[in-house]
Amino acid sequence: MVERTYEVIYADPPWRYREKDNKQLAFSHGKHGKVIGIEKFYATMPLCDIKVLEVPSSEDAWLLLWATATRLPEALEVLNAWGFKYWTCAIWDKIHLGLGWFFRVQHEILLVGKKGKPKLPEVTVRSIFAEKRTTHATKPVCVKEWIELAFPNRSKIELFARAKSEGWDVWGDEVNED
C-alpha cells in the first residue's frame, strides 16, 4: 500500500451491498446485463478483502471509518481487523432523505477507532455533522476540515480516496496522479 505510517487514518471503504459468501450476487446486473446499484458508481470490494488490507497506521493512531447503517457490523469487523478498538462515533446528517427498505436513511456513521495511546483531538465538536450530500459517495467537507483542526501536525492518510487533498497522503484507485 504505502511505505510510511500515519497517526490519523481516514477511510471510506467501497462496501459491497449485494454479497453472499463474499461473492457478488448475479442480480447485481440487470436482466439486460446492465450494472445496477452501487456498482454503477464505483468498484466495490468484498468484506474479506477490505479486512486483510495492511493499513499503514502508527503504533499510536486514530481511525475514522465511514459506515452506512446497513454495514455497521461489517465496519466494526474491519475496525478490529485493522488493529483498532472502537472508541466512539459521530453521525453525518445528509439533510435530504435517501432510500431505504425500513427507514428513509439520511445519515452515515463515522466510527472512531483507537490503536495504542494516540493524543486526543485538539478541537472537539458536536457529534452530528450536518452538511447537504452532493454526488454519490462524496463525504462532507466539514468532517475533513474538523480532522485537520483536531489533528494538526499529525501524519494523515485517506484510504479509498477519490481526490488529492493538501496536507494529506492519499491511497485509492480513483485518485488522479497528475
N, C-alpha and C. Protein backbone atom coordinates (compact mmCIF):
# COMPACT_ATOMS: atom_id res chain seq x y z
N MET A 1 0.83 -1.19 0.00
CA MET A 1 0.00 0.00 0.00
C MET A 1 0.87 1.25 0.00
N VAL A 2 1.45 1.62 1.14
CA VAL A 2 2.37 2.76 1.24
C VAL A 2 3.53 2.37 2.14
N GLU A 3 4.60 3.16 2.12
CA GLU A 3 5.81 2.78 2.84
C GLU A 3 5.95 3.38 4.22
N ARG A 4 5.17 4.41 4.58
CA ARG A 4 5.30 5.01 5.89
C ARG A 4 4.05 4.73 6.72
N THR A 5 4.05 5.20 7.96
CA THR A 5 2.88 5.00 8.82
C THR A 5 2.27 6.36 9.18
N TYR A 6 1.03 6.30 9.65
CA TYR A 6 0.26 7.52 9.89
C TYR A 6 -0.43 7.48 11.24
N GLU A 7 -0.59 8.69 11.81
CA GLU A 7 -1.26 8.84 13.10
C GLU A 7 -2.77 8.97 12.96
N VAL A 8 -3.21 9.38 11.78
CA VAL A 8 -4.63 9.54 11.51
C VAL A 8 -4.94 8.84 10.18
N ILE A 9 -5.86 7.87 10.25
CA ILE A 9 -6.31 7.14 9.07
C ILE A 9 -7.78 7.50 8.86
N TYR A 10 -8.11 7.98 7.68
CA TYR A 10 -9.48 8.36 7.32
C TYR A 10 -9.88 7.46 6.17
N ALA A 11 -10.95 6.68 6.32
CA ALA A 11 -11.26 5.68 5.31
C ALA A 11 -12.75 5.58 5.01
N ASP A 12 -13.05 5.43 3.74
CA ASP A 12 -14.41 5.21 3.25
C ASP A 12 -14.38 3.99 2.33
N PRO A 13 -14.40 2.80 2.92
CA PRO A 13 -14.28 1.58 2.11
C PRO A 13 -15.42 1.45 1.09
N PRO A 14 -15.12 0.82 -0.03
CA PRO A 14 -16.14 0.59 -1.05
C PRO A 14 -16.96 -0.66 -0.71
N TRP A 15 -17.84 -0.51 0.28
CA TRP A 15 -18.65 -1.63 0.77
C TRP A 15 -19.44 -2.26 -0.36
N ARG A 16 -19.49 -3.56 -0.37
CA ARG A 16 -20.30 -4.31 -1.33
C ARG A 16 -21.65 -4.57 -0.65
N TYR A 17 -22.72 -4.28 -1.33
CA TYR A 17 -24.05 -4.41 -0.74
C TYR A 17 -24.81 -5.64 -1.18
N ARG A 18 -24.40 -6.26 -2.22
CA ARG A 18 -25.09 -7.46 -2.69
C ARG A 18 -24.08 -8.60 -2.67
N GLU A 19 -23.78 -9.06 -1.47
CA GLU A 19 -22.79 -10.12 -1.41
C GLU A 19 -23.30 -11.26 -0.55
N LYS A 20 -22.91 -12.42 -0.97
CA LYS A 20 -23.23 -13.64 -0.24
C LYS A 20 -21.98 -14.49 -0.32
N ASP A 21 -21.50 -14.91 0.81
CA ASP A 21 -20.25 -15.67 0.85
C ASP A 21 -19.12 -14.91 0.15
N ASN A 22 -19.12 -13.56 0.30
CA ASN A 22 -18.10 -12.67 -0.25
C ASN A 22 -17.99 -12.73 -1.78
N LYS A 23 -19.05 -13.13 -2.45
CA LYS A 23 -19.06 -13.14 -3.90
C LYS A 23 -20.20 -12.26 -4.38
N GLN A 24 -19.99 -11.54 -5.45
CA GLN A 24 -21.02 -10.67 -6.00
C GLN A 24 -22.19 -11.54 -6.48
N LEU A 25 -23.39 -11.20 -6.05
CA LEU A 25 -24.56 -11.94 -6.48
C LEU A 25 -24.90 -11.63 -7.93
N ALA A 26 -25.46 -12.59 -8.61
CA ALA A 26 -25.79 -12.42 -10.02
C ALA A 26 -26.77 -11.28 -10.26
N PHE A 27 -27.66 -11.01 -9.30
CA PHE A 27 -28.66 -9.98 -9.55
C PHE A 27 -28.14 -8.56 -9.39
N SER A 28 -26.83 -8.36 -9.25
CA SER A 28 -26.30 -7.00 -9.26
C SER A 28 -26.26 -6.46 -10.68
N HIS A 29 -26.51 -7.34 -11.64
CA HIS A 29 -26.61 -6.93 -13.04
C HIS A 29 -28.07 -7.10 -13.45
N GLY A 30 -28.59 -6.10 -14.13
CA GLY A 30 -29.98 -6.16 -14.56
C GLY A 30 -30.19 -7.25 -15.60
N LYS A 31 -31.44 -7.46 -15.96
CA LYS A 31 -31.74 -8.55 -16.89
C LYS A 31 -31.15 -8.32 -18.28
N HIS A 32 -30.75 -7.09 -18.58
CA HIS A 32 -30.14 -6.80 -19.88
C HIS A 32 -28.63 -6.63 -19.76
N GLY A 33 -28.05 -7.12 -18.65
CA GLY A 33 -26.61 -7.06 -18.48
C GLY A 33 -26.10 -5.74 -17.94
N LYS A 34 -26.99 -4.81 -17.63
CA LYS A 34 -26.56 -3.51 -17.09
C LYS A 34 -26.20 -3.65 -15.62
N VAL A 35 -25.14 -2.96 -15.23
CA VAL A 35 -24.76 -2.93 -13.82
C VAL A 35 -25.75 -2.02 -13.11
N ILE A 36 -26.28 -2.51 -12.00
CA ILE A 36 -27.23 -1.71 -11.22
C ILE A 36 -26.72 -1.54 -9.80
N GLY A 37 -27.35 -0.67 -9.06
CA GLY A 37 -26.95 -0.43 -7.68
C GLY A 37 -25.65 0.35 -7.59
N ILE A 38 -24.96 0.17 -6.49
CA ILE A 38 -23.77 0.95 -6.18
C ILE A 38 -22.64 0.70 -7.18
N GLU A 39 -22.61 -0.49 -7.78
CA GLU A 39 -21.54 -0.85 -8.72
C GLU A 39 -21.51 0.07 -9.94
N LYS A 40 -22.61 0.77 -10.23
CA LYS A 40 -22.58 1.67 -11.39
C LYS A 40 -21.80 2.94 -11.07
N PHE A 41 -21.51 3.20 -9.79
CA PHE A 41 -20.77 4.39 -9.39
C PHE A 41 -19.28 4.12 -9.20
N TYR A 42 -18.94 2.96 -8.63
CA TYR A 42 -17.55 2.61 -8.39
C TYR A 42 -17.44 1.12 -8.08
N ALA A 43 -16.23 0.60 -8.23
CA ALA A 43 -15.98 -0.81 -7.93
C ALA A 43 -16.03 -1.02 -6.42
N THR A 44 -16.68 -2.08 -6.01
CA THR A 44 -16.76 -2.40 -4.59
C THR A 44 -15.79 -3.53 -4.27
N MET A 45 -15.67 -3.82 -2.98
CA MET A 45 -14.77 -4.89 -2.55
C MET A 45 -15.52 -5.81 -1.59
N PRO A 46 -15.24 -7.10 -1.64
CA PRO A 46 -15.83 -8.00 -0.64
C PRO A 46 -15.24 -7.68 0.74
N LEU A 47 -16.01 -7.92 1.75
CA LEU A 47 -15.59 -7.66 3.12
C LEU A 47 -14.26 -8.35 3.44
N CYS A 48 -14.09 -9.58 3.00
CA CYS A 48 -12.85 -10.31 3.32
C CYS A 48 -11.62 -9.58 2.77
N ASP A 49 -11.74 -8.93 1.60
CA ASP A 49 -10.61 -8.20 1.03
C ASP A 49 -10.33 -6.90 1.77
N ILE A 50 -11.38 -6.23 2.22
CA ILE A 50 -11.20 -4.99 2.99
C ILE A 50 -10.51 -5.30 4.31
N LYS A 51 -10.93 -6.37 4.96
CA LYS A 51 -10.40 -6.72 6.27
C LYS A 51 -8.91 -7.06 6.26
N VAL A 52 -8.39 -7.58 5.16
CA VAL A 52 -6.99 -8.00 5.14
C VAL A 52 -6.03 -6.93 4.61
N LEU A 53 -6.53 -5.75 4.30
CA LEU A 53 -5.64 -4.68 3.86
C LEU A 53 -4.63 -4.35 4.96
N GLU A 54 -3.40 -4.09 4.57
CA GLU A 54 -2.37 -3.69 5.52
C GLU A 54 -2.45 -2.18 5.67
N VAL A 55 -3.09 -1.74 6.73
CA VAL A 55 -3.30 -0.32 6.97
C VAL A 55 -2.04 0.29 7.57
N PRO A 56 -1.54 1.36 6.99
CA PRO A 56 -0.25 1.94 7.41
C PRO A 56 -0.38 2.84 8.65
N SER A 57 -0.82 2.26 9.75
CA SER A 57 -1.01 3.07 10.96
C SER A 57 0.21 3.02 11.86
N SER A 58 0.44 4.12 12.55
CA SER A 58 1.49 4.18 13.57
C SER A 58 1.06 3.31 14.75
N GLU A 59 1.97 3.12 15.68
CA GLU A 59 1.62 2.35 16.89
C GLU A 59 0.53 3.05 17.69
N ASP A 60 0.53 4.38 17.65
CA ASP A 60 -0.48 5.20 18.33
C ASP A 60 -1.22 5.97 17.25
N ALA A 61 -2.46 5.55 16.97
CA ALA A 61 -3.17 6.14 15.83
C ALA A 61 -4.67 6.15 16.05
N TRP A 62 -5.33 7.03 15.30
CA TRP A 62 -6.79 7.11 15.25
C TRP A 62 -7.25 6.63 13.87
N LEU A 63 -8.36 5.92 13.84
CA LEU A 63 -9.01 5.53 12.59
C LEU A 63 -10.39 6.17 12.57
N LEU A 64 -10.68 6.89 11.50
CA LEU A 64 -12.01 7.46 11.29
C LEU A 64 -12.58 6.74 10.07
N LEU A 65 -13.54 5.88 10.31
CA LEU A 65 -14.03 4.92 9.32
C LEU A 65 -15.51 5.13 9.03
N TRP A 66 -15.84 5.41 7.77
CA TRP A 66 -17.24 5.61 7.37
C TRP A 66 -17.97 4.27 7.28
N ALA A 67 -19.21 4.28 7.77
CA ALA A 67 -20.07 3.11 7.68
C ALA A 67 -21.50 3.56 7.43
N THR A 68 -22.20 2.80 6.62
CA THR A 68 -23.63 3.06 6.47
C THR A 68 -24.35 2.23 7.53
N ALA A 69 -25.59 2.56 7.77
CA ALA A 69 -26.36 1.85 8.80
C ALA A 69 -26.43 0.36 8.51
N THR A 70 -26.57 -0.01 7.25
CA THR A 70 -26.67 -1.43 6.92
C THR A 70 -25.33 -2.16 6.95
N ARG A 71 -24.24 -1.45 6.98
CA ARG A 71 -22.91 -2.06 7.02
C ARG A 71 -22.20 -1.84 8.36
N LEU A 72 -22.93 -1.45 9.37
CA LEU A 72 -22.32 -1.19 10.68
C LEU A 72 -21.61 -2.42 11.25
N PRO A 73 -22.22 -3.60 11.28
CA PRO A 73 -21.49 -4.77 11.82
C PRO A 73 -20.20 -5.05 11.05
N GLU A 74 -20.25 -4.93 9.72
CA GLU A 74 -19.06 -5.17 8.91
C GLU A 74 -17.98 -4.13 9.17
N ALA A 75 -18.40 -2.88 9.35
CA ALA A 75 -17.44 -1.81 9.63
C ALA A 75 -16.74 -2.05 10.96
N LEU A 76 -17.46 -2.52 11.95
CA LEU A 76 -16.83 -2.84 13.24
C LEU A 76 -15.84 -4.01 13.08
N GLU A 77 -16.17 -4.96 12.23
CA GLU A 77 -15.24 -6.06 11.95
C GLU A 77 -13.96 -5.52 11.31
N VAL A 78 -14.11 -4.60 10.36
CA VAL A 78 -12.96 -4.00 9.69
C VAL A 78 -12.11 -3.23 10.69
N LEU A 79 -12.74 -2.42 11.51
CA LEU A 79 -12.03 -1.64 12.53
C LEU A 79 -11.15 -2.56 13.37
N ASN A 80 -11.71 -3.66 13.82
CA ASN A 80 -10.94 -4.62 14.64
C ASN A 80 -9.87 -5.34 13.82
N ALA A 81 -10.21 -5.73 12.60
CA ALA A 81 -9.24 -6.45 11.75
C ALA A 81 -8.03 -5.57 11.45
N TRP A 82 -8.23 -4.26 11.37
CA TRP A 82 -7.13 -3.34 11.10
C TRP A 82 -6.33 -2.99 12.36
N GLY A 83 -6.67 -3.60 13.49
CA GLY A 83 -5.89 -3.42 14.71
C GLY A 83 -6.35 -2.29 15.61
N PHE A 84 -7.58 -1.81 15.43
CA PHE A 84 -8.10 -0.71 16.24
C PHE A 84 -9.20 -1.22 17.18
N LYS A 85 -9.43 -0.46 18.23
CA LYS A 85 -10.53 -0.74 19.15
C LYS A 85 -11.53 0.39 19.03
N TYR A 86 -12.80 0.02 19.02
CA TYR A 86 -13.85 1.03 18.91
C TYR A 86 -13.74 2.02 20.06
N TRP A 87 -13.84 3.33 19.75
CA TRP A 87 -13.74 4.38 20.75
C TRP A 87 -15.05 5.17 20.86
N THR A 88 -15.56 5.67 19.73
CA THR A 88 -16.80 6.45 19.71
C THR A 88 -17.27 6.57 18.27
N CYS A 89 -18.31 7.38 18.05
CA CYS A 89 -18.78 7.60 16.68
C CYS A 89 -19.45 8.96 16.57
N ALA A 90 -19.63 9.39 15.34
CA ALA A 90 -20.36 10.61 15.02
C ALA A 90 -21.30 10.27 13.88
N ILE A 91 -22.19 11.18 13.59
CA ILE A 91 -23.18 11.00 12.54
C ILE A 91 -23.08 12.14 11.54
N TRP A 92 -23.22 11.80 10.27
CA TRP A 92 -23.35 12.81 9.23
C TRP A 92 -24.82 12.87 8.84
N ASP A 93 -25.46 13.99 9.13
CA ASP A 93 -26.83 14.24 8.70
C ASP A 93 -26.74 14.83 7.29
N LYS A 94 -27.22 14.07 6.31
CA LYS A 94 -27.11 14.48 4.90
C LYS A 94 -28.18 15.51 4.50
N ILE A 95 -29.00 15.91 5.43
CA ILE A 95 -30.06 16.91 5.27
C ILE A 95 -31.25 16.37 4.47
N HIS A 96 -31.02 15.72 3.34
CA HIS A 96 -32.11 15.22 2.49
C HIS A 96 -32.30 13.71 2.68
N LEU A 97 -33.53 13.27 2.53
CA LEU A 97 -33.84 11.85 2.66
C LEU A 97 -33.20 11.04 1.55
N GLY A 98 -32.82 9.84 1.91
CA GLY A 98 -32.30 8.91 0.93
C GLY A 98 -33.28 7.76 0.76
N LEU A 99 -32.77 6.65 0.28
CA LEU A 99 -33.59 5.47 0.07
C LEU A 99 -33.51 4.58 1.30
N GLY A 100 -34.28 3.53 1.29
CA GLY A 100 -34.19 2.56 2.37
C GLY A 100 -35.36 1.61 2.36
N TRP A 101 -35.13 0.40 2.88
CA TRP A 101 -36.18 -0.61 2.93
C TRP A 101 -36.96 -0.53 4.23
N PHE A 102 -36.39 0.06 5.27
CA PHE A 102 -37.05 0.15 6.58
C PHE A 102 -37.24 1.60 6.97
N PHE A 103 -36.13 2.37 6.94
CA PHE A 103 -36.14 3.82 7.17
C PHE A 103 -35.64 4.50 5.91
N ARG A 104 -36.09 5.70 5.66
CA ARG A 104 -35.53 6.53 4.59
C ARG A 104 -34.26 7.15 5.17
N VAL A 105 -33.14 6.57 4.86
CA VAL A 105 -31.87 6.90 5.51
C VAL A 105 -31.32 8.24 5.02
N GLN A 106 -30.99 9.12 5.99
CA GLN A 106 -30.38 10.39 5.62
C GLN A 106 -29.11 10.64 6.43
N HIS A 107 -28.49 9.55 6.88
CA HIS A 107 -27.26 9.71 7.66
C HIS A 107 -26.25 8.62 7.34
N GLU A 108 -25.01 8.90 7.70
CA GLU A 108 -23.95 7.89 7.71
C GLU A 108 -23.25 8.00 9.05
N ILE A 109 -22.54 6.95 9.40
CA ILE A 109 -21.88 6.85 10.69
C ILE A 109 -20.37 6.95 10.48
N LEU A 110 -19.73 7.75 11.32
CA LEU A 110 -18.28 7.86 11.30
C LEU A 110 -17.76 7.20 12.58
N LEU A 111 -17.25 5.99 12.42
CA LEU A 111 -16.70 5.26 13.57
C LEU A 111 -15.31 5.78 13.88
N VAL A 112 -14.98 5.83 15.15
CA VAL A 112 -13.65 6.25 15.57
C VAL A 112 -13.02 5.07 16.32
N GLY A 113 -11.87 4.64 15.82
CA GLY A 113 -11.13 3.57 16.45
C GLY A 113 -9.80 4.08 16.96
N LYS A 114 -9.31 3.43 17.99
CA LYS A 114 -8.07 3.85 18.65
C LYS A 114 -7.10 2.68 18.66
N LYS A 115 -5.82 3.00 18.39
CA LYS A 115 -4.75 2.00 18.45
C LYS A 115 -3.65 2.58 19.31
N GLY A 116 -3.22 1.86 20.32
CA GLY A 116 -2.18 2.37 21.21
C GLY A 116 -2.70 3.50 22.06
N LYS A 117 -1.85 4.55 22.23
CA LYS A 117 -2.21 5.70 23.07
C LYS A 117 -2.03 7.00 22.29
N PRO A 118 -2.86 7.22 21.27
CA PRO A 118 -2.72 8.46 20.49
C PRO A 118 -3.20 9.66 21.30
N LYS A 119 -2.68 10.83 20.95
CA LYS A 119 -3.11 12.07 21.61
C LYS A 119 -4.55 12.36 21.21
N LEU A 120 -5.31 12.87 22.15
CA LEU A 120 -6.70 13.24 21.87
C LEU A 120 -6.76 14.41 20.89
N PRO A 121 -7.90 14.59 20.22
CA PRO A 121 -8.01 15.73 19.29
C PRO A 121 -7.86 17.05 20.02
N GLU A 122 -7.28 18.02 19.33
CA GLU A 122 -7.09 19.35 19.92
C GLU A 122 -8.37 20.18 19.88
N VAL A 123 -9.29 19.81 19.02
CA VAL A 123 -10.57 20.51 18.89
C VAL A 123 -11.68 19.48 18.91
N THR A 124 -12.66 19.66 19.76
CA THR A 124 -13.82 18.77 19.76
C THR A 124 -15.03 19.54 19.23
N VAL A 125 -15.93 18.80 18.62
CA VAL A 125 -17.13 19.38 18.03
C VAL A 125 -18.32 18.51 18.39
N ARG A 126 -19.49 18.95 18.00
CA ARG A 126 -20.70 18.15 18.22
C ARG A 126 -20.60 16.83 17.46
N SER A 127 -21.32 15.84 17.92
CA SER A 127 -21.24 14.51 17.31
C SER A 127 -22.11 14.38 16.06
N ILE A 128 -22.80 15.42 15.68
CA ILE A 128 -23.60 15.38 14.45
C ILE A 128 -23.07 16.45 13.50
N PHE A 129 -22.58 16.00 12.36
CA PHE A 129 -22.13 16.89 11.30
C PHE A 129 -23.30 17.02 10.33
N ALA A 130 -23.76 18.23 10.09
CA ALA A 130 -24.86 18.44 9.15
C ALA A 130 -24.33 19.16 7.92
N GLU A 131 -24.40 18.47 6.79
CA GLU A 131 -23.98 19.05 5.52
C GLU A 131 -24.71 18.31 4.41
N LYS A 132 -25.27 19.07 3.50
CA LYS A 132 -26.04 18.50 2.40
C LYS A 132 -25.17 17.56 1.58
N ARG A 133 -25.70 16.40 1.28
CA ARG A 133 -24.95 15.46 0.43
C ARG A 133 -24.88 16.02 -0.98
N THR A 134 -23.82 15.62 -1.67
CA THR A 134 -23.64 16.08 -3.06
C THR A 134 -23.66 14.85 -3.96
N THR A 135 -22.56 14.56 -4.62
CA THR A 135 -22.52 13.40 -5.51
C THR A 135 -22.38 12.11 -4.72
N HIS A 136 -22.72 11.02 -5.35
CA HIS A 136 -22.68 9.72 -4.69
C HIS A 136 -21.30 9.44 -4.11
N ALA A 137 -21.28 9.01 -2.86
CA ALA A 137 -20.07 8.61 -2.12
C ALA A 137 -19.15 9.76 -1.73
N THR A 138 -19.49 10.99 -2.08
CA THR A 138 -18.68 12.13 -1.67
C THR A 138 -19.00 12.45 -0.21
N LYS A 139 -17.97 12.49 0.61
CA LYS A 139 -18.17 12.74 2.04
C LYS A 139 -18.19 14.24 2.31
N PRO A 140 -18.73 14.62 3.47
CA PRO A 140 -18.86 16.05 3.78
C PRO A 140 -17.52 16.73 4.01
N VAL A 141 -17.36 17.89 3.44
CA VAL A 141 -16.14 18.69 3.59
C VAL A 141 -15.91 19.05 5.05
N CYS A 142 -16.98 19.31 5.78
CA CYS A 142 -16.85 19.75 7.17
C CYS A 142 -16.14 18.72 8.05
N VAL A 143 -16.27 17.44 7.74
CA VAL A 143 -15.60 16.41 8.54
C VAL A 143 -14.09 16.47 8.32
N LYS A 144 -13.68 16.58 7.08
CA LYS A 144 -12.25 16.65 6.80
C LYS A 144 -11.65 17.93 7.38
N GLU A 145 -12.39 19.02 7.31
CA GLU A 145 -11.92 20.28 7.91
C GLU A 145 -11.75 20.13 9.42
N TRP A 146 -12.69 19.43 10.07
CA TRP A 146 -12.55 19.20 11.51
C TRP A 146 -11.32 18.33 11.80
N ILE A 147 -11.10 17.29 11.01
CA ILE A 147 -9.95 16.41 11.23
C ILE A 147 -8.66 17.23 11.15
N GLU A 148 -8.58 18.13 10.20
CA GLU A 148 -7.38 18.97 10.07
C GLU A 148 -7.17 19.86 11.28
N LEU A 149 -8.26 20.42 11.83
CA LEU A 149 -8.16 21.25 13.05
C LEU A 149 -7.87 20.41 14.29
N ALA A 150 -8.47 19.24 14.34
CA ALA A 150 -8.34 18.38 15.52
C ALA A 150 -6.98 17.71 15.63
N PHE A 151 -6.36 17.44 14.49
CA PHE A 151 -5.10 16.71 14.47
C PHE A 151 -4.05 17.45 13.65
N PRO A 152 -3.75 18.70 14.01
CA PRO A 152 -2.73 19.43 13.24
C PRO A 152 -1.35 18.81 13.46
N ASN A 153 -0.52 18.93 12.47
CA ASN A 153 0.86 18.44 12.57
C ASN A 153 0.95 16.95 12.83
N ARG A 154 -0.09 16.21 12.52
CA ARG A 154 -0.02 14.75 12.64
C ARG A 154 -0.11 14.17 11.22
N SER A 155 0.57 13.09 11.03
CA SER A 155 0.56 12.46 9.70
C SER A 155 -0.83 11.88 9.43
N LYS A 156 -1.34 12.18 8.22
CA LYS A 156 -2.70 11.77 7.86
C LYS A 156 -2.71 11.12 6.49
N ILE A 157 -3.55 10.08 6.37
CA ILE A 157 -3.77 9.45 5.07
C ILE A 157 -5.25 9.17 4.91
N GLU A 158 -5.73 9.36 3.69
CA GLU A 158 -7.10 9.00 3.35
C GLU A 158 -7.05 7.75 2.48
N LEU A 159 -7.66 6.68 2.98
CA LEU A 159 -7.73 5.43 2.24
C LEU A 159 -9.00 5.42 1.39
N PHE A 160 -8.92 4.86 0.21
CA PHE A 160 -10.02 4.82 -0.75
C PHE A 160 -10.39 6.24 -1.18
N ALA A 161 -9.39 7.10 -1.24
CA ALA A 161 -9.60 8.50 -1.61
C ALA A 161 -10.03 8.59 -3.08
N ARG A 162 -10.74 9.65 -3.36
CA ARG A 162 -11.18 9.91 -4.73
C ARG A 162 -10.47 11.14 -5.31
N ALA A 163 -9.82 11.91 -4.45
CA ALA A 163 -9.11 13.11 -4.89
C ALA A 163 -7.98 13.40 -3.92
N LYS A 164 -6.98 14.13 -4.40
CA LYS A 164 -5.88 14.55 -3.53
C LYS A 164 -6.35 15.68 -2.63
N SER A 165 -5.73 15.78 -1.46
CA SER A 165 -6.02 16.85 -0.51
C SER A 165 -4.71 17.39 0.03
N GLU A 166 -4.59 18.70 0.09
CA GLU A 166 -3.37 19.31 0.60
C GLU A 166 -3.14 18.90 2.05
N GLY A 167 -1.92 18.48 2.35
CA GLY A 167 -1.56 18.09 3.71
C GLY A 167 -1.89 16.64 4.04
N TRP A 168 -2.43 15.91 3.08
CA TRP A 168 -2.80 14.51 3.29
C TRP A 168 -2.08 13.64 2.26
N ASP A 169 -1.73 12.44 2.67
CA ASP A 169 -1.37 11.43 1.70
C ASP A 169 -2.67 10.72 1.35
N VAL A 170 -2.75 10.20 0.15
CA VAL A 170 -3.97 9.53 -0.28
C VAL A 170 -3.64 8.19 -0.91
N TRP A 171 -4.59 7.28 -0.82
CA TRP A 171 -4.46 5.98 -1.44
C TRP A 171 -5.84 5.58 -1.95
N GLY A 172 -5.92 5.19 -3.21
CA GLY A 172 -7.19 4.77 -3.78
C GLY A 172 -7.08 4.64 -5.28
N ASP A 173 -7.94 3.83 -5.86
CA ASP A 173 -7.86 3.60 -7.30
C ASP A 173 -8.54 4.69 -8.13
N GLU A 174 -9.17 5.67 -7.48
CA GLU A 174 -9.81 6.76 -8.22
C GLU A 174 -9.04 8.07 -8.14
N VAL A 175 -7.90 8.08 -7.45
CA VAL A 175 -7.11 9.31 -7.29
C VAL A 175 -6.33 9.58 -8.55
N ASN A 176 -6.46 10.78 -9.08
CA ASN A 176 -5.69 11.18 -10.26
C ASN A 176 -4.25 11.43 -9.86
N GLU A 177 -3.33 10.88 -10.58
CA GLU A 177 -1.90 11.07 -10.30
C GLU A 177 -1.33 12.12 -11.25
N ASP A 178 -1.75 13.40 -11.13
CA ASP A 178 -1.27 14.48 -12.02
C ASP A 178 0.20 14.70 -11.85
